[in-house]
Each structure stands twice: as C-alpha cells, then as structure tokens.
C-alpha cells in the first residue's frame, strides 16, 4: 500500500488517483500518521438492488413466521412496557 505525506500528495495528486484507480489503496499521512485512504469511488447507481435480489428478499420475508403484529405495534408495546 503506497504511503504519501500531504505535501507529496499535493505534488502528485494525478499519480495517486491513477494508483487508486488501478486498485491500490493509497494512504496519505499527516505528521507521520495515516490521515486518509484514497480508493476509487463507487459508480453512480451502484447502490441499487437488482430485481432478482428484491424478489429473493421478498420470498425470504414471506417464508419467515409471522410475529402476529406489525413492527410499529411491537415498538410501541416495548416503549410503553418499559419501566
């Protein structure tokens, strides 16, 4: 893992970005201590779930036993019964 001081990072930012994009975890230090790690950003929309995964999650949820009440009622009961 390449390590650079803040001063070095200022002088070689393009190089550090290229290293991060190539898969290296680049560490930038301040006063000799790690301050930040540079790595590629996630692609936009990368947090979206696929339709297949959503269907699998829904099927799994339906296979679980029912609690007999919804989450709001459970939380209210827990809150109201707390001493």
PDB file of N, CA and C in Angstrom:
ATOM      1  N   UNK A   1       0.861  -1.172   0.000  1.00  0.00           N
ATOM      2  CA  UNK A   1       0.000   0.000   0.000  1.00  0.00           C
ATOM      3  C   UNK A   1       0.907   1.235   0.000  1.00  0.00           C
ATOM      4  N   UNK A   2       0.849   2.044  -1.055  1.00  0.00           N
ATOM      5  CA  UNK A   2       1.663   3.251  -1.112  1.00  0.00           C
ATOM      6  C   UNK A   2       1.251   4.258  -0.039  1.00  0.00           C
ATOM      7  N   UNK A   3       2.248   4.911   0.554  1.00  0.00           N
ATOM      8  CA  UNK A   3       2.014   5.907   1.599  1.00  0.00           C
ATOM      9  C   UNK A   3       2.699   7.201   1.188  1.00  0.00           C
ATOM     10  N   UNK A   4       1.959   8.303   1.264  1.00  0.00           N
ATOM     11  CA  UNK A   4       2.472   9.617   0.881  1.00  0.00           C
ATOM     12  C   UNK A   4       2.108  10.628   1.961  1.00  0.00           C
ATOM     13  N   UNK A   5       2.988  11.612   2.130  1.00  0.00           N
ATOM     14  CA  UNK A   5       2.663  12.721   3.031  1.00  0.00           C
ATOM     15  C   UNK A   5       1.705  13.658   2.302  1.00  0.00           C
ATOM     16  N   UNK A   6       1.105  14.579   3.035  1.00  0.00           N
ATOM     17  CA  UNK A   6       0.201  15.552   2.422  1.00  0.00           C
ATOM     18  C   UNK A   6       0.953  16.360   1.366  1.00  0.00           C
ATOM     19  N   UNK A   7       2.184  16.760   1.663  1.00  0.00           N
ATOM     20  CA  UNK A   7       2.973  17.543   0.706  1.00  0.00           C
ATOM     21  C   UNK A   7       3.215  16.743  -0.570  1.00  0.00           C
ATOM     22  N   UNK A   8       3.564  15.458  -0.431  1.00  0.00           N
ATOM     23  CA  UNK A   8       3.774  14.616  -1.611  1.00  0.00           C
ATOM     24  C   UNK A   8       2.476  14.445  -2.377  1.00  0.00           C
ATOM     25  N   UNK A   9       1.374  14.286  -1.665  1.00  0.00           N
ATOM     26  CA  UNK A   9       0.080  14.093  -2.314  1.00  0.00           C
ATOM     27  C   UNK A   9      -0.299  15.334  -3.121  1.00  0.00           C
ATOM     28  N   UNK A  10      -0.008  16.508  -2.594  1.00  0.00           N
ATOM     29  CA  UNK A  10      -0.297  17.749  -3.332  1.00  0.00           C
ATOM     30  C   UNK A  10       0.470  17.789  -4.647  1.00  0.00           C
ATOM     31  N   UNK A  11       1.732  17.370  -4.602  1.00  0.00           N
ATOM     32  CA  UNK A  11       2.589  17.424  -5.789  1.00  0.00           C
ATOM     33  C   UNK A  11       2.269  16.333  -6.809  1.00  0.00           C
ATOM     34  N   UNK A  12       1.679  15.219  -6.362  1.00  0.00           N
ATOM     35  CA  UNK A  12       1.484  14.062  -7.241  1.00  0.00           C
ATOM     36  C   UNK A  12       0.047  13.553  -7.234  1.00  0.00           C
ATOM     37  N   UNK A  13      -0.915  14.456  -7.101  1.00  0.00           N
ATOM     38  CA  UNK A  13      -2.308  14.032  -6.975  1.00  0.00           C
ATOM     39  C   UNK A  13      -2.766  13.174  -8.156  1.00  0.00           C
ATOM     40  N   UNK A  14      -2.435  13.562  -9.367  1.00  0.00           N
ATOM     41  CA  UNK A  14      -2.852  12.773 -10.540  1.00  0.00           C
ATOM     42  C   UNK A  14      -2.305  11.353 -10.468  1.00  0.00           C
ATOM     43  N   UNK A  15      -1.049  11.218 -10.064  1.00  0.00           N
ATOM     44  CA  UNK A  15      -0.425   9.898  -9.934  1.00  0.00           C
ATOM     45  C   UNK A  15      -1.151   9.071  -8.868  1.00  0.00           C
ATOM     46  N   UNK A  16      -1.476   9.688  -7.742  1.00  0.00           N
ATOM     47  CA  UNK A  16      -2.175   8.974  -6.667  1.00  0.00           C
ATOM     48  C   UNK A  16      -3.543   8.516  -7.123  1.00  0.00           C
ATOM     49  N   UNK A  17      -4.234   9.363  -7.867  1.00  0.00           N
ATOM     50  CA  UNK A  17      -5.552   8.977  -8.379  1.00  0.00           C
ATOM     51  C   UNK A  17      -5.414   7.796  -9.333  1.00  0.00           C
ATOM     52  N   UNK A  18      -4.412   7.832 -10.198  1.00  0.00           N
ATOM     53  CA  UNK A  18      -4.186   6.711 -11.120  1.00  0.00           C
ATOM     54  C   UNK A  18      -3.890   5.426 -10.357  1.00  0.00           C
ATOM     55  N   UNK A  19      -3.098   5.517  -9.301  1.00  0.00           N
ATOM     56  CA  UNK A  19      -2.790   4.334  -8.488  1.00  0.00           C
ATOM     57  C   UNK A  19      -4.056   3.784  -7.840  1.00  0.00           C
ATOM     58  N   UNK A  20      -4.889   4.668  -7.309  1.00  0.00           N
ATOM     59  CA  UNK A  20      -6.133   4.230  -6.674  1.00  0.00           C
ATOM     60  C   UNK A  20      -7.046   3.568  -7.695  1.00  0.00           C
ATOM     61  N   UNK A  21      -7.140   4.155  -8.873  1.00  0.00           N
ATOM     62  CA  UNK A  21      -7.984   3.575  -9.924  1.00  0.00           C
ATOM     63  C   UNK A  21      -7.455   2.224 -10.393  1.00  0.00           C
ATOM     64  N   UNK A  22      -6.152   2.011 -10.233  1.00  0.00           N
ATOM     65  CA  UNK A  22      -5.539   0.738 -10.613  1.00  0.00           C
ATOM     66  C   UNK A  22      -5.722  -0.322  -9.527  1.00  0.00           C
ATOM     67  N   UNK A  23      -6.370   0.051  -8.423  1.00  0.00           N
ATOM     68  CA  UNK A  23      -6.654  -0.922  -7.371  1.00  0.00           C
ATOM     69  C   UNK A  23      -5.810  -0.793  -6.125  1.00  0.00           C
ATOM     70  N   UNK A  24      -4.859   0.127  -6.116  1.00  0.00           N
ATOM     71  CA  UNK A  24      -4.034   0.332  -4.930  1.00  0.00           C
ATOM     72  C   UNK A  24      -4.802   1.145  -3.892  1.00  0.00           C
ATOM     73  N   UNK A  25      -4.632   0.802  -2.617  1.00  0.00           N
ATOM     74  CA  UNK A  25      -5.159   1.647  -1.559  1.00  0.00           C
ATOM     75  C   UNK A  25      -4.044   2.600  -1.163  1.00  0.00           C
ATOM     76  N   UNK A  26      -4.198   3.854  -1.489  1.00  0.00           N
ATOM     77  CA  UNK A  26      -3.183   4.870  -1.250  1.00  0.00           C
ATOM     78  C   UNK A  26      -3.483   5.542   0.087  1.00  0.00           C
ATOM     79  N   UNK A  27      -2.477   5.602   0.958  1.00  0.00           N
ATOM     80  CA  UNK A  27      -2.635   6.255   2.253  1.00  0.00           C
ATOM     81  C   UNK A  27      -1.903   7.584   2.238  1.00  0.00           C
ATOM     82  N   UNK A  28      -2.573   8.620   2.720  1.00  0.00           N
ATOM     83  CA  UNK A  28      -1.969   9.936   2.854  1.00  0.00           C
ATOM     84  C   UNK A  28      -1.822  10.216   4.343  1.00  0.00           C
ATOM     85  N   UNK A  29      -0.609  10.601   4.719  1.00  0.00           N
ATOM     86  CA  UNK A  29      -0.315  10.822   6.137  1.00  0.00           C
ATOM     87  C   UNK A  29      -0.212  12.308   6.445  1.00  0.00           C
ATOM     88  N   UNK A  30      -0.475  12.623   7.691  1.00  0.00           N
ATOM     89  CA  UNK A  30      -0.273  13.982   8.206  1.00  0.00           C
ATOM     90  C   UNK A  30       0.535  13.834   9.489  1.00  0.00           C
ATOM     91  N   UNK A  31       1.662  14.491   9.538  1.00  0.00           N
ATOM     92  CA  UNK A  31       2.578  14.403  10.684  1.00  0.00           C
ATOM     93  C   UNK A  31       2.971  12.953  10.962  1.00  0.00           C
ATOM     94  N   UNK A  32       3.149  12.177   9.883  1.00  0.00           N
ATOM     95  CA  UNK A  32       3.612  10.797  10.012  1.00  0.00           C
ATOM     96  C   UNK A  32       2.547   9.782  10.383  1.00  0.00           C
ATOM     97  N   UNK A  33       1.311  10.232  10.560  1.00  0.00           N
ATOM     98  CA  UNK A  33       0.226   9.321  10.942  1.00  0.00           C
ATOM     99  C   UNK A  33      -0.790   9.247   9.807  1.00  0.00           C
ATOM    100  N   UNK A  34      -1.333   8.060   9.521  1.00  0.00           N
ATOM    101  CA  UNK A  34      -2.327   7.941   8.454  1.00  0.00           C
ATOM    102  C   UNK A  34      -3.508   8.885   8.693  1.00  0.00           C
ATOM    103  N   UNK A  35      -3.853   9.648   7.669  1.00  0.00           N
ATOM    104  CA  UNK A  35      -4.966  10.590   7.777  1.00  0.00           C
ATOM    105  C   UNK A  35      -6.144  10.154   6.918  1.00  0.00           C
ATOM    106  N   UNK A  36      -5.859   9.752   5.670  1.00  0.00           N
ATOM    107  CA  UNK A  36      -6.933   9.326   4.765  1.00  0.00           C
ATOM    108  C   UNK A  36      -6.434   8.191   3.881  1.00  0.00           C
ATOM    109  N   UNK A  37      -7.385   7.443   3.355  1.00  0.00           N
ATOM    110  CA  UNK A  37      -7.084   6.420   2.360  1.00  0.00           C
ATOM    111  C   UNK A  37      -7.812   6.790   1.081  1.00  0.00           C
ATOM    112  N   UNK A  38      -7.118   6.683  -0.026  1.00  0.00           N
ATOM    113  CA  UNK A  38      -7.665   7.039  -1.321  1.00  0.00           C
ATOM    114  C   UNK A  38      -7.954   5.757  -2.085  1.00  0.00           C
ATOM    115  N   UNK A  39      -9.190   5.615  -2.543  1.00  0.00           N
ATOM    116  CA  UNK A  39      -9.586   4.463  -3.351  1.00  0.00           C
ATOM    117  C   UNK A  39     -10.681   4.906  -4.303  1.00  0.00           C
ATOM    118  N   UNK A  40     -10.948   4.136  -5.352  1.00  0.00           N
ATOM    119  CA  UNK A  40     -11.938   4.564  -6.349  1.00  0.00           C
ATOM    120  C   UNK A  40     -13.324   4.755  -5.741  1.00  0.00           C
ATOM    121  N   UNK A  41     -14.039   5.741  -6.267  1.00  0.00           N
ATOM    122  CA  UNK A  41     -15.418   5.970  -5.853  1.00  0.00           C
ATOM    123  C   UNK A  41     -16.297   4.888  -6.461  1.00  0.00           C
ATOM    124  N   UNK A  42     -17.417   4.653  -5.834  1.00  0.00           N
ATOM    125  CA  UNK A  42     -18.385   3.703  -6.390  1.00  0.00           C
ATOM    126  C   UNK A  42     -19.083   4.355  -7.565  1.00  0.00           C
ATOM    127  N   UNK A  43     -19.458   3.539  -8.516  1.00  0.00           N
ATOM    128  CA  UNK A  43     -20.175   4.046  -9.687  1.00  0.00           C
ATOM    129  C   UNK A  43     -21.547   4.558  -9.252  1.00  0.00           C
ATOM    130  N   UNK A  44     -22.020   5.600  -9.903  1.00  0.00           N
ATOM    131  CA  UNK A  44     -23.343   6.146  -9.595  1.00  0.00           C
ATOM    132  C   UNK A  44     -24.394   5.074  -9.821  1.00  0.00           C
ATOM    133  N   UNK A  45     -25.341   4.978  -8.908  1.00  0.00           N
ATOM    134  CA  UNK A  45     -26.398   3.990  -9.035  1.00  0.00           C
ATOM    135  C   UNK A  45     -25.965   2.605  -8.593  1.00  0.00           C
ATOM    136  N   UNK A  46     -24.750   2.487  -8.095  1.00  0.00           N
ATOM    137  CA  UNK A  46     -24.247   1.182  -7.674  1.00  0.00           C
ATOM    138  C   UNK A  46     -24.973   0.631  -6.462  1.00  0.00           C
ATOM    139  N   UNK A  47     -25.719   1.478  -5.765  1.00  0.00           N
ATOM    140  CA  UNK A  47     -26.424   1.037  -4.578  1.00  0.00           C
ATOM    141  C   UNK A  47     -27.787   0.443  -4.874  1.00  0.00           C
ATOM    142  N   UNK A  48     -28.179   0.426  -6.132  1.00  0.00           N
ATOM    143  CA  UNK A  48     -29.498  -0.103  -6.472  1.00  0.00           C
ATOM    144  C   UNK A  48     -29.487  -1.626  -6.454  1.00  0.00           C
ATOM    145  N   UNK A  49     -30.560  -2.186  -5.943  1.00  0.00           N
ATOM    146  CA  UNK A  49     -30.698  -3.631  -5.895  1.00  0.00           C
ATOM    147  C   UNK A  49     -31.297  -4.134  -7.199  1.00  0.00           C
ATOM    148  N   UNK A  50     -30.830  -5.282  -7.627  1.00  0.00           N
ATOM    149  CA  UNK A  50     -31.389  -5.863  -8.840  1.00  0.00           C
ATOM    150  C   UNK A  50     -32.785  -6.398  -8.539  1.00  0.00           C
ATOM    151  N   UNK A  51     -33.591  -6.520  -9.585  1.00  0.00           N
ATOM    152  CA  UNK A  51     -34.951  -7.052  -9.427  1.00  0.00           C
ATOM    153  C   UNK A  51     -34.900  -8.468  -8.872  1.00  0.00           C
ATOM    154  N   UNK A  52     -33.908  -9.233  -9.297  1.00  0.00           N
ATOM    155  CA  UNK A  52     -33.765 -10.610  -8.809  1.00  0.00           C
ATOM    156  C   UNK A  52     -33.506 -10.632  -7.305  1.00  0.00           C
ATOM    157  N   UNK A  53     -32.633  -9.761  -6.840  1.00  0.00           N
ATOM    158  CA  UNK A  53     -32.332  -9.711  -5.415  1.00  0.00           C
ATOM    159  C   UNK A  53     -33.553  -9.268  -4.618  1.00  0.00           C
ATOM    160  N   UNK A  54     -34.294  -8.295  -5.119  1.00  0.00           N
ATOM    161  CA  UNK A  54     -35.513  -7.846  -4.447  1.00  0.00           C
ATOM    162  C   UNK A  54     -36.513  -8.989  -4.346  1.00  0.00           C
ATOM    163  N   UNK A  55     -36.662  -9.764  -5.412  1.00  0.00           N
ATOM    164  CA  UNK A  55     -37.573 -10.916  -5.389  1.00  0.00           C
ATOM    165  C   UNK A  55     -37.114 -11.957  -4.371  1.00  0.00           C
ATOM    166  N   UNK A  56     -35.800 -12.192  -4.293  1.00  0.00           N
ATOM    167  CA  UNK A  56     -35.286 -13.164  -3.316  1.00  0.00           C
ATOM    168  C   UNK A  56     -35.520 -12.686  -1.894  1.00  0.00           C
ATOM    169  N   UNK A  57     -35.334 -11.398  -1.647  1.00  0.00           N
ATOM    170  CA  UNK A  57     -35.563 -10.846  -0.304  1.00  0.00           C
ATOM    171  C   UNK A  57     -37.040 -10.952   0.058  1.00  0.00           C
ATOM    172  N   UNK A  58     -37.930 -10.630  -0.894  1.00  0.00           N
ATOM    173  CA  UNK A  58     -39.368 -10.714  -0.643  1.00  0.00           C
ATOM    174  C   UNK A  58     -39.789 -12.155  -0.355  1.00  0.00           C
ATOM    175  N   UNK A  59     -39.257 -13.096  -1.111  1.00  0.00           N
ATOM    176  CA  UNK A  59     -39.585 -14.511  -0.899  1.00  0.00           C
ATOM    177  C   UNK A  59     -39.100 -14.966   0.474  1.00  0.00           C
ATOM    178  N   UNK A  60     -37.912 -14.531   0.855  1.00  0.00           N
ATOM    179  CA  UNK A  60     -37.374 -14.894   2.167  1.00  0.00           C
ATOM    180  C   UNK A  60     -38.241 -14.310   3.280  1.00  0.00           C
ATOM    181  N   UNK A  61     -38.677 -13.063   3.120  1.00  0.00           N
ATOM    182  CA  UNK A  61     -39.518 -12.431   4.131  1.00  0.00           C
ATOM    183  C   UNK A  61     -40.841 -13.167   4.278  1.00  0.00           C
ATOM    184  N   UNK A  62     -41.418 -13.610   3.161  1.00  0.00           N
ATOM    185  CA  UNK A  62     -42.688 -14.342   3.219  1.00  0.00           C
ATOM    186  C   UNK A  62     -42.528 -15.708   3.881  1.00  0.00           C
ATOM    187  N   UNK A  63     -41.317 -16.275   3.807  1.00  0.00           N
ATOM    188  CA  UNK A  63     -41.102 -17.604   4.386  1.00  0.00           C
ATOM    189  C   UNK A  63     -40.914 -17.557   5.904  1.00  0.00           C
ATOM    190  N   UNK A  64     -40.676 -16.384   6.455  1.00  0.00           N
ATOM    191  CA  UNK A  64     -40.469 -16.259   7.901  1.00  0.00           C
ATOM    192  C   UNK A  64     -41.805 -16.300   8.641  1.00  0.00           C
ATOM    193  N   UNK A  65     -41.807 -16.825   9.849  1.00  0.00           N
ATOM    194  CA  UNK A  65     -43.062 -16.867  10.600  1.00  0.00           C
ATOM    195  C   UNK A  65     -43.539 -15.460  10.958  1.00  0.00           C
ATOM    196  N   UNK A  66     -44.849 -15.297  11.022  1.00  0.00           N
ATOM    197  CA  UNK A  66     -45.436 -14.013  11.364  1.00  0.00           C
ATOM    198  C   UNK A  66     -45.290 -13.747  12.858  1.00  0.00           C
ATOM    199  N   UNK A  67     -45.066 -12.509  13.217  1.00  0.00           N
ATOM    200  CA  UNK A  67     -44.969 -12.135  14.626  1.00  0.00           C
ATOM    201  C   UNK A  67     -46.342 -11.862  15.228  1.00  0.00           C
ATOM    202  N   UNK A  68     -47.370 -11.797  14.386  1.00  0.00           N
ATOM    203  CA  UNK A  68     -48.718 -11.566  14.869  1.00  0.00           C
ATOM    204  C   UNK A  68     -49.069 -10.094  15.010  1.00  0.00           C
ATOM    205  N   UNK A  69     -48.095  -9.222  14.880  1.00  0.00           N
ATOM    206  CA  UNK A  69     -48.333  -7.785  14.920  1.00  0.00           C
ATOM    207  C   UNK A  69     -47.245  -7.108  14.099  1.00  0.00           C
ATOM    208  N   UNK A  70     -47.523  -5.869  13.678  1.00  0.00           N
ATOM    209  CA  UNK A  70     -46.524  -5.199  12.852  1.00  0.00           C
ATOM    210  C   UNK A  70     -45.458  -4.542  13.725  1.00  0.00           C
ATOM    211  N   UNK A  71     -44.383  -4.096  13.090  1.00  0.00           N
ATOM    212  CA  UNK A  71     -43.233  -3.549  13.806  1.00  0.00           C
ATOM    213  C   UNK A  71     -43.596  -2.325  14.640  1.00  0.00           C
ATOM    214  N   UNK A  72     -44.494  -1.492  14.136  1.00  0.00           N
ATOM    215  CA  UNK A  72     -44.886  -0.286  14.880  1.00  0.00           C
ATOM    216  C   UNK A  72     -45.530  -0.680  16.204  1.00  0.00           C
ATOM    217  N   UNK A  73     -46.419  -1.666  16.168  1.00  0.00           N
ATOM    218  CA  UNK A  73     -47.076  -2.109  17.403  1.00  0.00           C
ATOM    219  C   UNK A  73     -46.082  -2.737  18.371  1.00  0.00           C
ATOM    220  N   UNK A  74     -45.125  -3.491  17.846  1.00  0.00           N
ATOM    221  CA  UNK A  74     -44.112  -4.100  18.712  1.00  0.00           C
ATOM    222  C   UNK A  74     -43.297  -3.019  19.411  1.00  0.00           C
ATOM    223  N   UNK A  75     -42.876  -2.007  18.669  1.00  0.00           N
ATOM    224  CA  UNK A  75     -42.066  -0.938  19.257  1.00  0.00           C
ATOM    225  C   UNK A  75     -42.872  -0.139  20.273  1.00  0.00           C
ATOM    226  N   UNK A  76     -44.129   0.149  19.954  1.00  0.00           N
ATOM    227  CA  UNK A  76     -44.973   0.874  20.921  1.00  0.00           C
ATOM    228  C   UNK A  76     -45.144   0.072  22.203  1.00  0.00           C
ATOM    229  N   UNK A  77     -45.370  -1.243  22.057  1.00  0.00           N
ATOM    230  CA  UNK A  77     -45.536  -2.092  23.232  1.00  0.00           C
ATOM    231  C   UNK A  77     -44.259  -2.106  24.056  1.00  0.00           C
ATOM    232  N   UNK A  78     -43.109  -2.220  23.388  1.00  0.00           N
ATOM    233  CA  UNK A  78     -41.832  -2.215  24.109  1.00  0.00           C
ATOM    234  C   UNK A  78     -41.634  -0.869  24.821  1.00  0.00           C
ATOM    235  N   UNK A  79     -41.968   0.220  24.148  1.00  0.00           N
ATOM    236  CA  UNK A  79     -41.797   1.545  24.736  1.00  0.00           C
ATOM    237  C   UNK A  79     -42.732   1.719  25.935  1.00  0.00           C
ATOM    238  N   UNK A  80     -43.989   1.326  25.785  1.00  0.00           N
ATOM    239  CA  UNK A  80     -44.981   1.550  26.840  1.00  0.00           C
ATOM    240  C   UNK A  80     -44.776   0.626  28.032  1.00  0.00           C
ATOM    241  N   UNK A  81     -44.218  -0.564  27.788  1.00  0.00           N
ATOM    242  CA  UNK A  81     -43.998  -1.521  28.876  1.00  0.00           C
ATOM    243  C   UNK A  81     -42.684  -1.312  29.598  1.00  0.00           C
ATOM    244  N   UNK A  82     -41.855  -0.391  29.094  1.00  0.00           N
ATOM    245  CA  UNK A  82     -40.548  -0.165  29.718  1.00  0.00           C
ATOM    246  C   UNK A  82     -40.769   0.551  31.048  1.00  0.00           C
ATOM    247  N   UNK A  83     -40.157   0.023  32.129  1.00  0.00           N
ATOM    248  CA  UNK A  83     -40.376   0.626  33.463  1.00  0.00           C
ATOM    249  C   UNK A  83     -39.845   2.014  33.615  1.00  0.00           C
TER     250      UNK A  83
END
